[in-house]
C-alpha atoms as a PDB file:
ATOM      1  CA  UNK A   1     215.208 136.579  99.618  1.00  0.00           C
ATOM      2  CA  UNK A   2     212.873 134.632 101.824  1.00  0.00           C
ATOM      3  CA  UNK A   3     210.823 132.284  99.685  1.00  0.00           C
ATOM      4  CA  UNK A   4     207.653 130.533 100.720  1.00  0.00           C
ATOM      5  CA  UNK A   5     208.158 127.312 102.525  1.00  0.00           C
ATOM      6  CA  UNK A   6     205.627 124.578 101.819  1.00  0.00           C
ATOM      7  CA  UNK A   7     204.682 122.434 104.771  1.00  0.00           C
ATOM      8  CA  UNK A   8     202.960 119.168 104.032  1.00  0.00           C
ATOM      9  CA  UNK A   9     201.015 118.351 107.189  1.00  0.00           C
ATOM     10  CA  UNK A  10     199.221 115.394 105.669  1.00  0.00           C
ATOM     11  CA  UNK A  11     202.287 113.176 105.978  1.00  0.00           C
ATOM     12  CA  UNK A  12     202.220 113.531 109.784  1.00  0.00           C
ATOM     13  CA  UNK A  13     198.549 112.675 110.188  1.00  0.00           C
ATOM     14  CA  UNK A  14     197.578 109.172 111.127  1.00  0.00           C
ATOM     15  CA  UNK A  15     194.102 107.712 110.819  1.00  0.00           C
ATOM     16  CA  UNK A  16     192.416 107.497 114.174  1.00  0.00           C
ATOM     17  CA  UNK A  17     190.166 104.646 115.164  1.00  0.00           C
ATOM     18  CA  UNK A  18     186.874 105.228 116.898  1.00  0.00           C
ATOM     19  CA  UNK A  19     187.249 105.293 120.623  1.00  0.00           C
ATOM     20  CA  UNK A  20     185.969 102.161 122.294  1.00  0.00           C
ATOM     21  CA  UNK A  21     185.796 102.729 125.989  1.00  0.00           C
ATOM     22  CA  UNK A  22     186.134  99.244 127.435  1.00  0.00           C
ATOM     23  CA  UNK A  23     185.798 100.621 130.958  1.00  0.00           C
ATOM     24  CA  UNK A  24     182.077 101.246 130.514  1.00  0.00           C
ATOM     25  CA  UNK A  25     180.005  98.514 132.088  1.00  0.00           C
ATOM     26  CA  UNK A  26     177.043  97.182 130.159  1.00  0.00           C
ATOM     27  CA  UNK A  27     173.597  97.511 131.664  1.00  0.00           C
ATOM     28  CA  UNK A  28     170.424  95.511 131.359  1.00  0.00           C
ATOM     29  CA  UNK A  29     167.874  97.201 129.068  1.00  0.00           C
ATOM     30  CA  UNK A  30     164.222  96.483 128.327  1.00  0.00           C
ATOM     31  CA  UNK A  31     163.697  96.743 124.591  1.00  0.00           C
ATOM     32  CA  UNK A  32     160.217  97.126 123.093  1.00  0.00           C
ATOM     33  CA  UNK A  33     159.763  95.890 119.522  1.00  0.00           C
ATOM     34  CA  UNK A  34     157.034  95.526 116.931  1.00  0.00           C
ATOM     35  CA  UNK A  35     157.791  93.246 113.967  1.00  0.00           C
ATOM     36  CA  UNK A  36     161.461  93.083 115.028  1.00  0.00           C
ATOM     37  CA  UNK A  37     161.764  96.878 114.795  1.00  0.00           C
ATOM     38  CA  UNK A  38     162.891  98.590 117.989  1.00  0.00           C
ATOM     39  CA  UNK A  39     160.380 101.178 119.137  1.00  0.00           C
ATOM     40  CA  UNK A  40     161.770 102.123 122.538  1.00  0.00           C
ATOM     41  CA  UNK A  41     164.197 100.985 125.227  1.00  0.00           C
ATOM     42  CA  UNK A  42     165.105 101.885 128.791  1.00  0.00           C
ATOM     43  CA  UNK A  43     167.420 100.593 131.489  1.00  0.00           C
ATOM     44  CA  UNK A  44     165.971  98.216 134.038  1.00  0.00           C
ATOM     45  CA  UNK A  45     167.768 100.096 136.804  1.00  0.00           C
ATOM     46  CA  UNK A  46     165.223 102.267 138.597  1.00  0.00           C
ATOM     47  CA  UNK A  47     162.245 100.884 136.705  1.00  0.00           C
ATOM     48  CA  UNK A  48     158.888 101.783 138.195  1.00  0.00           C
ATOM     49  CA  UNK A  49     156.311  99.225 139.286  1.00  0.00           C
ATOM     50  CA  UNK A  50     153.934  99.560 136.313  1.00  0.00           C
ATOM     51  CA  UNK A  51     156.367 101.117 133.858  1.00  0.00           C
ATOM     52  CA  UNK A  52     156.469  98.166 131.443  1.00  0.00           C
ATOM     53  CA  UNK A  53     152.684  97.933 131.146  1.00  0.00           C
ATOM     54  CA  UNK A  54     152.319 101.681 130.702  1.00  0.00           C
ATOM     55  CA  UNK A  55     155.044 101.728 128.036  1.00  0.00           C
ATOM     56  CA  UNK A  56     153.421  98.869 126.099  1.00  0.00           C
ATOM     57  CA  UNK A  57     150.061 100.628 126.231  1.00  0.00           C
ATOM     58  CA  UNK A  58     151.502 103.919 124.999  1.00  0.00           C
ATOM     59  CA  UNK A  59     153.555 102.293 122.224  1.00  0.00           C
ATOM     60  CA  UNK A  60     150.524 100.340 121.012  1.00  0.00           C
ATOM     61  CA  UNK A  61     148.492 103.551 120.883  1.00  0.00           C
ATOM     62  CA  UNK A  62     151.242 105.498 119.080  1.00  0.00           C
ATOM     63  CA  UNK A  63     151.858 102.709 116.550  1.00  0.00           C
ATOM     64  CA  UNK A  64     148.179 101.930 115.902  1.00  0.00           C
ATOM     65  CA  UNK A  65     148.420  98.296 116.954  1.00  0.00           C
ATOM     66  CA  UNK A  66     147.358  95.958 119.728  1.00  0.00           C
ATOM     67  CA  UNK A  67     149.321  95.635 122.944  1.00  0.00           C
ATOM     68  CA  UNK A  68     150.041  91.977 122.162  1.00  0.00           C
ATOM     69  CA  UNK A  69     151.930  93.129 119.018  1.00  0.00           C
ATOM     70  CA  UNK A  70     154.556  94.813 121.230  1.00  0.00           C
ATOM     71  CA  UNK A  71     157.250  92.386 122.363  1.00  0.00           C
ATOM     72  CA  UNK A  72     159.594  93.032 125.286  1.00  0.00           C
ATOM     73  CA  UNK A  73     163.131  91.667 125.454  1.00  0.00           C
ATOM     74  CA  UNK A  74     165.978  92.073 127.916  1.00  0.00           C
ATOM     75  CA  UNK A  75     169.361  92.980 126.429  1.00  0.00           C
ATOM     76  CA  UNK A  76     172.774  93.910 127.756  1.00  0.00           C
ATOM     77  CA  UNK A  77     173.948  97.183 126.239  1.00  0.00           C
END
């Protein structure tokens, strides 16, 4: 008679690490923060002439604060 055959697949599985694609090149980003909390960020590549000022103005309006409360930093990401 043909009995059931138990196959234990768990013994063949190996834990997989998260993929870290080292071929991706980092880019320069402008990061907008209020009280050390990141509000918004964009890449510097292709930035418009008045984009930073417009972004600060909009973020200040949306976060009910003054424009001088928004700090801009450059970061490689």
